[in-house]
Amino acid sequence: SQGILAGVQALDRMARKLSLPIKPIPASHYLLFIGF
């Protein structure tokens, strides 16, 4: 459900000639960064 909604939100931005949302960063990347 979240993926389809995110897709529609991005398609809406594309149709309005706005920049696309930034790719979500997985939580594991934050944990890796905090660990580092």
ModelCIF file with pLDDT and N, C-alpha, C, O atoms, coordinates in Angstrom:
data_MODEL
#
_entry.id   MODEL 
#
_entity.id                         1 
_entity.type                       polymer 
_entity.pdbx_number_of_molecules   1 
#
_entity_poly.entity_id                      1 
_entity_poly.type                           'polypeptide(L)' 
_entity_poly.nstd_linkage                   no 
_entity_poly.nstd_monomer                   no 
_entity_poly.pdbx_seq_one_letter_code       SQGILAGVQALDRMARKLSLPIKPIPASHYLLFIGF 
_entity_poly.pdbx_seq_one_letter_code_can   SQGILAGVQALDRMARKLSLPIKPIPASHYLLFIGF 
_entity_poly.pdbx_strand_id                 A 
#
loop_
_entity_poly_seq.entity_id 
_entity_poly_seq.num 
_entity_poly_seq.mon_id 
_entity_poly_seq.hetero 
1 1  SER n 
1 2  GLN n 
1 3  GLY n 
1 4  ILE n 
1 5  LEU n 
1 6  ALA n 
1 7  GLY n 
1 8  VAL n 
1 9  GLN n 
1 10 ALA n 
1 11 LEU n 
1 12 ASP n 
1 13 ARG n 
1 14 MET n 
1 15 ALA n 
1 16 ARG n 
1 17 LYS n 
1 18 LEU n 
1 19 SER n 
1 20 LEU n 
1 21 PRO n 
1 22 ILE n 
1 23 LYS n 
1 24 PRO n 
1 25 ILE n 
1 26 PRO n 
1 27 ALA n 
1 28 SER n 
1 29 HIS n 
1 30 TYR n 
1 31 LEU n 
1 32 LEU n 
1 33 PHE n 
1 34 ILE n 
1 35 GLY n 
1 36 PHE n 
#
_struct_asym.id          A 
_struct_asym.entity_id   1 
#
loop_
_ma_qa_metric.id 
_ma_qa_metric.mode 
_ma_qa_metric.name 
_ma_qa_metric.software_group_id 
_ma_qa_metric.type 
1 global pLDDT . pLDDT 
2 local  pLDDT . pLDDT 
#
_ma_qa_metric_global.metric_id      1 
_ma_qa_metric_global.metric_value   78.61 
_ma_qa_metric_global.model_id       1 
_ma_qa_metric_global.ordinal_id     1 
#
loop_
_ma_qa_metric_local.label_asym_id 
_ma_qa_metric_local.label_comp_id 
_ma_qa_metric_local.label_seq_id 
_ma_qa_metric_local.metric_id 
_ma_qa_metric_local.metric_value 
_ma_qa_metric_local.model_id 
_ma_qa_metric_local.ordinal_id 
A SER 1  2 97.00 1 1  
A GLN 2  2 97.00 1 2  
A GLY 3  2 97.00 1 3  
A ILE 4  2 98.00 1 4  
A LEU 5  2 98.00 1 5  
A ALA 6  2 97.00 1 6  
A GLY 7  2 98.00 1 7  
A VAL 8  2 98.00 1 8  
A GLN 9  2 97.00 1 9  
A ALA 10 2 97.00 1 10 
A LEU 11 2 97.00 1 11 
A ASP 12 2 97.00 1 12 
A ARG 13 2 96.00 1 13 
A MET 14 2 95.00 1 14 
A ALA 15 2 95.00 1 15 
A ARG 16 2 94.00 1 16 
A LYS 17 2 92.00 1 17 
A LEU 18 2 92.00 1 18 
A SER 19 2 88.00 1 19 
A LEU 20 2 85.00 1 20 
A PRO 21 2 79.00 1 21 
A ILE 22 2 77.00 1 22 
A LYS 23 2 71.00 1 23 
A PRO 24 2 66.00 1 24 
A ILE 25 2 61.00 1 25 
A PRO 26 2 61.00 1 26 
A ALA 27 2 57.00 1 27 
A SER 28 2 56.00 1 28 
A HIS 29 2 52.00 1 29 
A TYR 30 2 50.00 1 30 
A LEU 31 2 51.00 1 31 
A LEU 32 2 50.00 1 32 
A PHE 33 2 49.00 1 33 
A ILE 34 2 50.00 1 34 
A GLY 35 2 47.00 1 35 
A PHE 36 2 48.00 1 36 
#
loop_
_atom_site.group_PDB 
_atom_site.id 
_atom_site.type_symbol 
_atom_site.label_atom_id 
_atom_site.label_alt_id 
_atom_site.label_comp_id 
_atom_site.label_asym_id 
_atom_site.label_entity_id 
_atom_site.label_seq_id 
_atom_site.pdbx_PDB_ins_code 
_atom_site.Cartn_x 
_atom_site.Cartn_y 
_atom_site.Cartn_z 
_atom_site.occupancy 
_atom_site.B_iso_or_equiv 
_atom_site.pdbx_formal_charge 
_atom_site.auth_seq_id 
_atom_site.auth_comp_id 
_atom_site.auth_asym_id 
_atom_site.auth_atom_id 
_atom_site.pdbx_PDB_model_num 
ATOM 1   N N  . SER A 1 1  ? 0.837  -1.198 0.000   1.00 97.00 ? 1  SER A N  1 
ATOM 2   C CA . SER A 1 1  ? 0.000  0.000  0.000   1.00 97.00 ? 1  SER A CA 1 
ATOM 3   C C  . SER A 1 1  ? 0.877  1.255  0.000   1.00 97.00 ? 1  SER A C  1 
ATOM 4   O O  . SER A 1 1  ? 0.618  2.202  -0.743  1.00 97.00 ? 1  SER A O  1 
ATOM 5   N N  . GLN A 1 2  ? 1.899  1.251  0.827   1.00 97.00 ? 2  GLN A N  1 
ATOM 6   C CA . GLN A 1 2  ? 2.818  2.390  0.929   1.00 97.00 ? 2  GLN A CA 1 
ATOM 7   C C  . GLN A 1 2  ? 3.571  2.597  -0.389  1.00 97.00 ? 2  GLN A C  1 
ATOM 8   O O  . GLN A 1 2  ? 3.781  3.736  -0.808  1.00 97.00 ? 2  GLN A O  1 
ATOM 9   N N  . GLY A 1 3  ? 3.972  1.517  -1.037  1.00 97.00 ? 3  GLY A N  1 
ATOM 10  C CA . GLY A 1 3  ? 4.699  1.613  -2.309  1.00 97.00 ? 3  GLY A CA 1 
ATOM 11  C C  . GLY A 1 3  ? 3.839  2.194  -3.420  1.00 97.00 ? 3  GLY A C  1 
ATOM 12  O O  . GLY A 1 3  ? 4.289  3.032  -4.201  1.00 97.00 ? 3  GLY A O  1 
ATOM 13  N N  . ILE A 1 4  ? 2.593  1.736  -3.476  1.00 98.00 ? 4  ILE A N  1 
ATOM 14  C CA . ILE A 1 4  ? 1.681  2.239  -4.519  1.00 98.00 ? 4  ILE A CA 1 
ATOM 15  C C  . ILE A 1 4  ? 1.390  3.720  -4.283  1.00 98.00 ? 4  ILE A C  1 
ATOM 16  O O  . ILE A 1 4  ? 1.401  4.515  -5.224  1.00 98.00 ? 4  ILE A O  1 
ATOM 17  N N  . LEU A 1 5  ? 1.129  4.091  -3.032  1.00 98.00 ? 5  LEU A N  1 
ATOM 18  C CA . LEU A 1 5  ? 0.876  5.499  -2.707  1.00 98.00 ? 5  LEU A CA 1 
ATOM 19  C C  . LEU A 1 5  ? 2.108  6.353  -3.023  1.00 98.00 ? 5  LEU A C  1 
ATOM 20  O O  . LEU A 1 5  ? 1.979  7.435  -3.596  1.00 98.00 ? 5  LEU A O  1 
ATOM 21  N N  . ALA A 1 6  ? 3.292  5.879  -2.658  1.00 97.00 ? 6  ALA A N  1 
ATOM 22  C CA . ALA A 1 6  ? 4.526  6.629  -2.955  1.00 97.00 ? 6  ALA A CA 1 
ATOM 23  C C  . ALA A 1 6  ? 4.693  6.786  -4.469  1.00 97.00 ? 6  ALA A C  1 
ATOM 24  O O  . ALA A 1 6  ? 5.133  7.834  -4.941  1.00 97.00 ? 6  ALA A O  1 
ATOM 25  N N  . GLY A 1 7  ? 4.342  5.748  -5.222  1.00 98.00 ? 7  GLY A N  1 
ATOM 26  C CA . GLY A 1 7  ? 4.407  5.820  -6.675  1.00 98.00 ? 7  GLY A CA 1 
ATOM 27  C C  . GLY A 1 7  ? 3.468  6.883  -7.228  1.00 98.00 ? 7  GLY A C  1 
ATOM 28  O O  . GLY A 1 7  ? 3.850  7.658  -8.104  1.00 98.00 ? 7  GLY A O  1 
ATOM 29  N N  . VAL A 1 8  ? 2.249  6.920  -6.723  1.00 98.00 ? 8  VAL A N  1 
ATOM 30  C CA . VAL A 1 8  ? 1.265  7.915  -7.173  1.00 98.00 ? 8  VAL A CA 1 
ATOM 31  C C  . VAL A 1 8  ? 1.728  9.329  -6.811  1.00 98.00 ? 8  VAL A C  1 
ATOM 32  O O  . VAL A 1 8  ? 1.601  10.255 -7.613  1.00 98.00 ? 8  VAL A O  1 
ATOM 33  N N  . GLN A 1 9  ? 2.263  9.486  -5.604  1.00 97.00 ? 9  GLN A N  1 
ATOM 34  C CA . GLN A 1 9  ? 2.756  10.807 -5.202  1.00 97.00 ? 9  GLN A CA 1 
ATOM 35  C C  . GLN A 1 9  ? 3.889  11.267 -6.129  1.00 97.00 ? 9  GLN A C  1 
ATOM 36  O O  . GLN A 1 9  ? 3.948  12.437 -6.506  1.00 97.00 ? 9  GLN A O  1 
ATOM 37  N N  . ALA A 1 10 ? 4.777  10.354 -6.491  1.00 97.00 ? 10 ALA A N  1 
ATOM 38  C CA . ALA A 1 10 ? 5.886  10.694 -7.392  1.00 97.00 ? 10 ALA A CA 1 
ATOM 39  C C  . ALA A 1 10 ? 5.379  10.980 -8.809  1.00 97.00 ? 10 ALA A C  1 
ATOM 40  O O  . ALA A 1 10 ? 5.870  11.895 -9.469  1.00 97.00 ? 10 ALA A O  1 
ATOM 41  N N  . LEU A 1 11 ? 4.397  10.198 -9.279  1.00 97.00 ? 11 LEU A N  1 
ATOM 42  C CA . LEU A 1 11 ? 3.815  10.444 -10.604 1.00 97.00 ? 11 LEU A CA 1 
ATOM 43  C C  . LEU A 1 11 ? 3.120  11.808 -10.644 1.00 97.00 ? 11 LEU A C  1 
ATOM 44  O O  . LEU A 1 11 ? 3.182  12.510 -11.654 1.00 97.00 ? 11 LEU A O  1 
ATOM 45  N N  . ASP A 1 12 ? 2.471  12.174 -9.561  1.00 97.00 ? 12 ASP A N  1 
ATOM 46  C CA . ASP A 1 12 ? 1.836  13.486 -9.458  1.00 97.00 ? 12 ASP A CA 1 
ATOM 47  C C  . ASP A 1 12 ? 2.898  14.581 -9.584  1.00 97.00 ? 12 ASP A C  1 
ATOM 48  O O  . ASP A 1 12 ? 2.691  15.567 -10.291 1.00 97.00 ? 12 ASP A O  1 
ATOM 49  N N  . ARG A 1 13 ? 4.023  14.412 -8.906  1.00 96.00 ? 13 ARG A N  1 
ATOM 50  C CA . ARG A 1 13 ? 5.116  15.395 -8.982  1.00 96.00 ? 13 ARG A CA 1 
ATOM 51  C C  . ARG A 1 13 ? 5.678  15.461 -10.406 1.00 96.00 ? 13 ARG A C  1 
ATOM 52  O O  . ARG A 1 13 ? 5.976  16.544 -10.910 1.00 96.00 ? 13 ARG A O  1 
ATOM 53  N N  . MET A 1 14 ? 5.821  14.297 -11.050 1.00 95.00 ? 14 MET A N  1 
ATOM 54  C CA . MET A 1 14 ? 6.313  14.263 -12.428 1.00 95.00 ? 14 MET A CA 1 
ATOM 55  C C  . MET A 1 14 ? 5.359  15.042 -13.338 1.00 95.00 ? 14 MET A C  1 
ATOM 56  O O  . MET A 1 14 ? 5.799  15.834 -14.170 1.00 95.00 ? 14 MET A O  1 
ATOM 57  N N  . ALA A 1 15 ? 4.054  14.817 -13.176 1.00 95.00 ? 15 ALA A N  1 
ATOM 58  C CA . ALA A 1 15 ? 3.054  15.469 -14.021 1.00 95.00 ? 15 ALA A CA 1 
ATOM 59  C C  . ALA A 1 15 ? 3.036  16.983 -13.808 1.00 95.00 ? 15 ALA A C  1 
ATOM 60  O O  . ALA A 1 15 ? 2.671  17.737 -14.710 1.00 95.00 ? 15 ALA A O  1 
ATOM 61  N N  . ARG A 1 16 ? 3.424  17.414 -12.637 1.00 94.00 ? 16 ARG A N  1 
ATOM 62  C CA . ARG A 1 16 ? 3.454  18.846 -12.315 1.00 94.00 ? 16 ARG A CA 1 
ATOM 63  C C  . ARG A 1 16 ? 4.829  19.468 -12.582 1.00 94.00 ? 16 ARG A C  1 
ATOM 64  O O  . ARG A 1 16 ? 5.055  20.641 -12.286 1.00 94.00 ? 16 ARG A O  1 
ATOM 65  N N  . LYS A 1 17 ? 5.752  18.661 -13.149 1.00 92.00 ? 17 LYS A N  1 
ATOM 66  C CA . LYS A 1 17 ? 7.116  19.120 -13.470 1.00 92.00 ? 17 LYS A CA 1 
ATOM 67  C C  . LYS A 1 17 ? 7.890  19.538 -12.221 1.00 92.00 ? 17 LYS A C  1 
ATOM 68  O O  . LYS A 1 17 ? 8.698  20.466 -12.263 1.00 92.00 ? 17 LYS A O  1 
ATOM 69  N N  . LEU A 1 18 ? 7.635  18.845 -11.107 1.00 92.00 ? 18 LEU A N  1 
ATOM 70  C CA . LEU A 1 18 ? 8.355  19.093 -9.859  1.00 92.00 ? 18 LEU A CA 1 
ATOM 71  C C  . LEU A 1 18 ? 9.412  18.005 -9.687  1.00 92.00 ? 18 LEU A C  1 
ATOM 72  O O  . LEU A 1 18 ? 9.333  16.954 -10.324 1.00 92.00 ? 18 LEU A O  1 
ATOM 73  N N  . SER A 1 19 ? 10.391 18.254 -8.833  1.00 88.00 ? 19 SER A N  1 
ATOM 74  C CA . SER A 1 19 ? 11.421 17.230 -8.628  1.00 88.00 ? 19 SER A CA 1 
ATOM 75  C C  . SER A 1 19 ? 10.815 16.035 -7.902  1.00 88.00 ? 19 SER A C  1 
ATOM 76  O O  . SER A 1 19 ? 9.887  16.174 -7.106  1.00 88.00 ? 19 SER A O  1 
ATOM 77  N N  . LEU A 1 20 ? 11.356 14.871 -8.194  1.00 85.00 ? 20 LEU A N  1 
ATOM 78  C CA . LEU A 1 20 ? 10.849 13.651 -7.584  1.00 85.00 ? 20 LEU A CA 1 
ATOM 79  C C  . LEU A 1 20 ? 11.313 13.549 -6.138  1.00 85.00 ? 20 LEU A C  1 
ATOM 80  O O  . LEU A 1 20 ? 12.325 14.138 -5.758  1.00 85.00 ? 20 LEU A O  1 
ATOM 81  N N  . PRO A 1 21 ? 10.560 12.792 -5.328  1.00 79.00 ? 21 PRO A N  1 
ATOM 82  C CA . PRO A 1 21 ? 10.997 12.581 -3.946  1.00 79.00 ? 21 PRO A CA 1 
ATOM 83  C C  . PRO A 1 21 ? 12.350 11.853 -3.938  1.00 79.00 ? 21 PRO A C  1 
ATOM 84  O O  . PRO A 1 21 ? 12.682 11.113 -4.864  1.00 79.00 ? 21 PRO A O  1 
ATOM 85  N N  . ILE A 1 22 ? 13.100 12.082 -2.888  1.00 77.00 ? 22 ILE A N  1 
ATOM 86  C CA . ILE A 1 22 ? 14.393 11.419 -2.735  1.00 77.00 ? 22 ILE A CA 1 
ATOM 87  C C  . ILE A 1 22 ? 14.147 9.971  -2.323  1.00 77.00 ? 22 ILE A C  1 
ATOM 88  O O  . ILE A 1 22 ? 13.237 9.671  -1.550  1.00 77.00 ? 22 ILE A O  1 
ATOM 89  N N  . LYS A 1 23 ? 14.977 9.089  -2.854  1.00 71.00 ? 23 LYS A N  1 
ATOM 90  C CA . LYS A 1 23 ? 14.870 7.667  -2.527  1.00 71.00 ? 23 LYS A CA 1 
ATOM 91  C C  . LYS A 1 23 ? 14.987 7.486  -1.016  1.00 71.00 ? 23 LYS A C  1 
ATOM 92  O O  . LYS A 1 23 ? 15.896 8.040  -0.398  1.00 71.00 ? 23 LYS A O  1 
ATOM 93  N N  . PRO A 1 24 ? 14.075 6.713  -0.410  1.00 66.00 ? 24 PRO A N  1 
ATOM 94  C CA . PRO A 1 24 ? 14.159 6.469  1.033   1.00 66.00 ? 24 PRO A CA 1 
ATOM 95  C C  . PRO A 1 24 ? 15.467 5.753  1.375   1.00 66.00 ? 24 PRO A C  1 
ATOM 96  O O  . PRO A 1 24 ? 15.966 4.933  0.604   1.00 66.00 ? 24 PRO A O  1 
ATOM 97  N N  . ILE A 1 25 ? 16.006 6.081  2.544   1.00 61.00 ? 25 ILE A N  1 
ATOM 98  C CA . ILE A 1 25 ? 17.237 5.431  2.996   1.00 61.00 ? 25 ILE A CA 1 
ATOM 99  C C  . ILE A 1 25 ? 16.846 4.375  4.032   1.00 61.00 ? 25 ILE A C  1 
ATOM 100 O O  . ILE A 1 25 ? 16.194 4.693  5.027   1.00 61.00 ? 25 ILE A O  1 
ATOM 101 N N  . PRO A 1 26 ? 17.241 3.123  3.801   1.00 61.00 ? 26 PRO A N  1 
ATOM 102 C CA . PRO A 1 26 ? 16.890 2.071  4.753   1.00 61.00 ? 26 PRO A CA 1 
ATOM 103 C C  . PRO A 1 26 ? 17.481 2.340  6.137   1.00 61.00 ? 26 PRO A C  1 
ATOM 104 O O  . PRO A 1 26 ? 18.561 2.921  6.251   1.00 61.00 ? 26 PRO A O  1 
ATOM 105 N N  . ALA A 1 27 ? 16.781 1.924  7.177   1.00 57.00 ? 27 ALA A N  1 
ATOM 106 C CA . ALA A 1 27 ? 17.233 2.114  8.555   1.00 57.00 ? 27 ALA A CA 1 
ATOM 107 C C  . ALA A 1 27 ? 18.603 1.486  8.774   1.00 57.00 ? 27 ALA A C  1 
ATOM 108 O O  . ALA A 1 27 ? 19.391 1.993  9.573   1.00 57.00 ? 27 ALA A O  1 
ATOM 109 N N  . SER A 1 28 ? 18.899 0.400  8.082   1.00 56.00 ? 28 SER A N  1 
ATOM 110 C CA . SER A 1 28 ? 20.189 -0.272 8.249   1.00 56.00 ? 28 SER A CA 1 
ATOM 111 C C  . SER A 1 28 ? 21.351 0.658  7.911   1.00 56.00 ? 28 SER A C  1 
ATOM 112 O O  . SER A 1 28 ? 22.425 0.542  8.500   1.00 56.00 ? 28 SER A O  1 
ATOM 113 N N  . HIS A 1 29 ? 21.149 1.578  6.970   1.00 52.00 ? 29 HIS A N  1 
ATOM 114 C CA . HIS A 1 29 ? 22.203 2.527  6.614   1.00 52.00 ? 29 HIS A CA 1 
ATOM 115 C C  . HIS A 1 29 ? 22.485 3.479  7.779   1.00 52.00 ? 29 HIS A C  1 
ATOM 116 O O  . HIS A 1 29 ? 23.634 3.844  8.029   1.00 52.00 ? 29 HIS A O  1 
ATOM 117 N N  . TYR A 1 30 ? 21.418 3.879  8.492   1.00 50.00 ? 30 TYR A N  1 
ATOM 118 C CA . TYR A 1 30 ? 21.596 4.747  9.650   1.00 50.00 ? 30 TYR A CA 1 
ATOM 119 C C  . TYR A 1 30 ? 22.346 4.010  10.747  1.00 50.00 ? 30 TYR A C  1 
ATOM 120 O O  . TYR A 1 30 ? 23.244 4.571  11.376  1.00 50.00 ? 30 TYR A O  1 
ATOM 121 N N  . LEU A 1 31 ? 21.980 2.751  10.977  1.00 51.00 ? 31 LEU A N  1 
ATOM 122 C CA . LEU A 1 31 ? 22.639 1.956  12.010  1.00 51.00 ? 31 LEU A CA 1 
ATOM 123 C C  . LEU A 1 31 ? 24.116 1.779  11.680  1.00 51.00 ? 31 LEU A C  1 
ATOM 124 O O  . LEU A 1 31 ? 24.965 1.858  12.568  1.00 51.00 ? 31 LEU A O  1 
ATOM 125 N N  . LEU A 1 32 ? 24.422 1.544  10.423  1.00 50.00 ? 32 LEU A N  1 
ATOM 126 C CA . LEU A 1 32 ? 25.802 1.407  9.971   1.00 50.00 ? 32 LEU A CA 1 
ATOM 127 C C  . LEU A 1 32 ? 26.557 2.702  10.235  1.00 50.00 ? 32 LEU A C  1 
ATOM 128 O O  . LEU A 1 32 ? 27.689 2.679  10.718  1.00 50.00 ? 32 LEU A O  1 
ATOM 129 N N  . PHE A 1 33 ? 25.938 3.816  9.921   1.00 49.00 ? 33 PHE A N  1 
ATOM 130 C CA . PHE A 1 33 ? 26.554 5.130  10.119  1.00 49.00 ? 33 PHE A CA 1 
ATOM 131 C C  . PHE A 1 33 ? 26.786 5.396  11.604  1.00 49.00 ? 33 PHE A C  1 
ATOM 132 O O  . PHE A 1 33 ? 27.854 5.871  11.989  1.00 49.00 ? 33 PHE A O  1 
ATOM 133 N N  . ILE A 1 34 ? 25.786 5.088  12.445  1.00 50.00 ? 34 ILE A N  1 
ATOM 134 C CA . ILE A 1 34 ? 25.912 5.292  13.881  1.00 50.00 ? 34 ILE A CA 1 
ATOM 135 C C  . ILE A 1 34 ? 27.023 4.394  14.439  1.00 50.00 ? 34 ILE A C  1 
ATOM 136 O O  . ILE A 1 34 ? 27.823 4.816  15.274  1.00 50.00 ? 34 ILE A O  1 
ATOM 137 N N  . GLY A 1 35 ? 27.052 3.135  13.954  1.00 47.00 ? 35 GLY A N  1 
ATOM 138 C CA . GLY A 1 35 ? 28.097 2.211  14.387  1.00 47.00 ? 35 GLY A CA 1 
ATOM 139 C C  . GLY A 1 35 ? 29.474 2.716  14.006  1.00 47.00 ? 35 GLY A C  1 
ATOM 140 O O  . GLY A 1 35 ? 30.424 2.578  14.777  1.00 47.00 ? 35 GLY A O  1 
ATOM 141 N N  . PHE A 1 36 ? 29.590 3.302  12.823  1.00 48.00 ? 36 PHE A N  1 
ATOM 142 C CA . PHE A 1 36 ? 30.858 3.829  12.353  1.00 48.00 ? 36 PHE A CA 1 
ATOM 143 C C  . PHE A 1 36 ? 31.320 4.983  13.239  1.00 48.00 ? 36 PHE A C  1 
ATOM 144 O O  . PHE A 1 36 ? 32.380 5.560  12.998  1.00 48.00 ? 36 PHE A O  1 
#
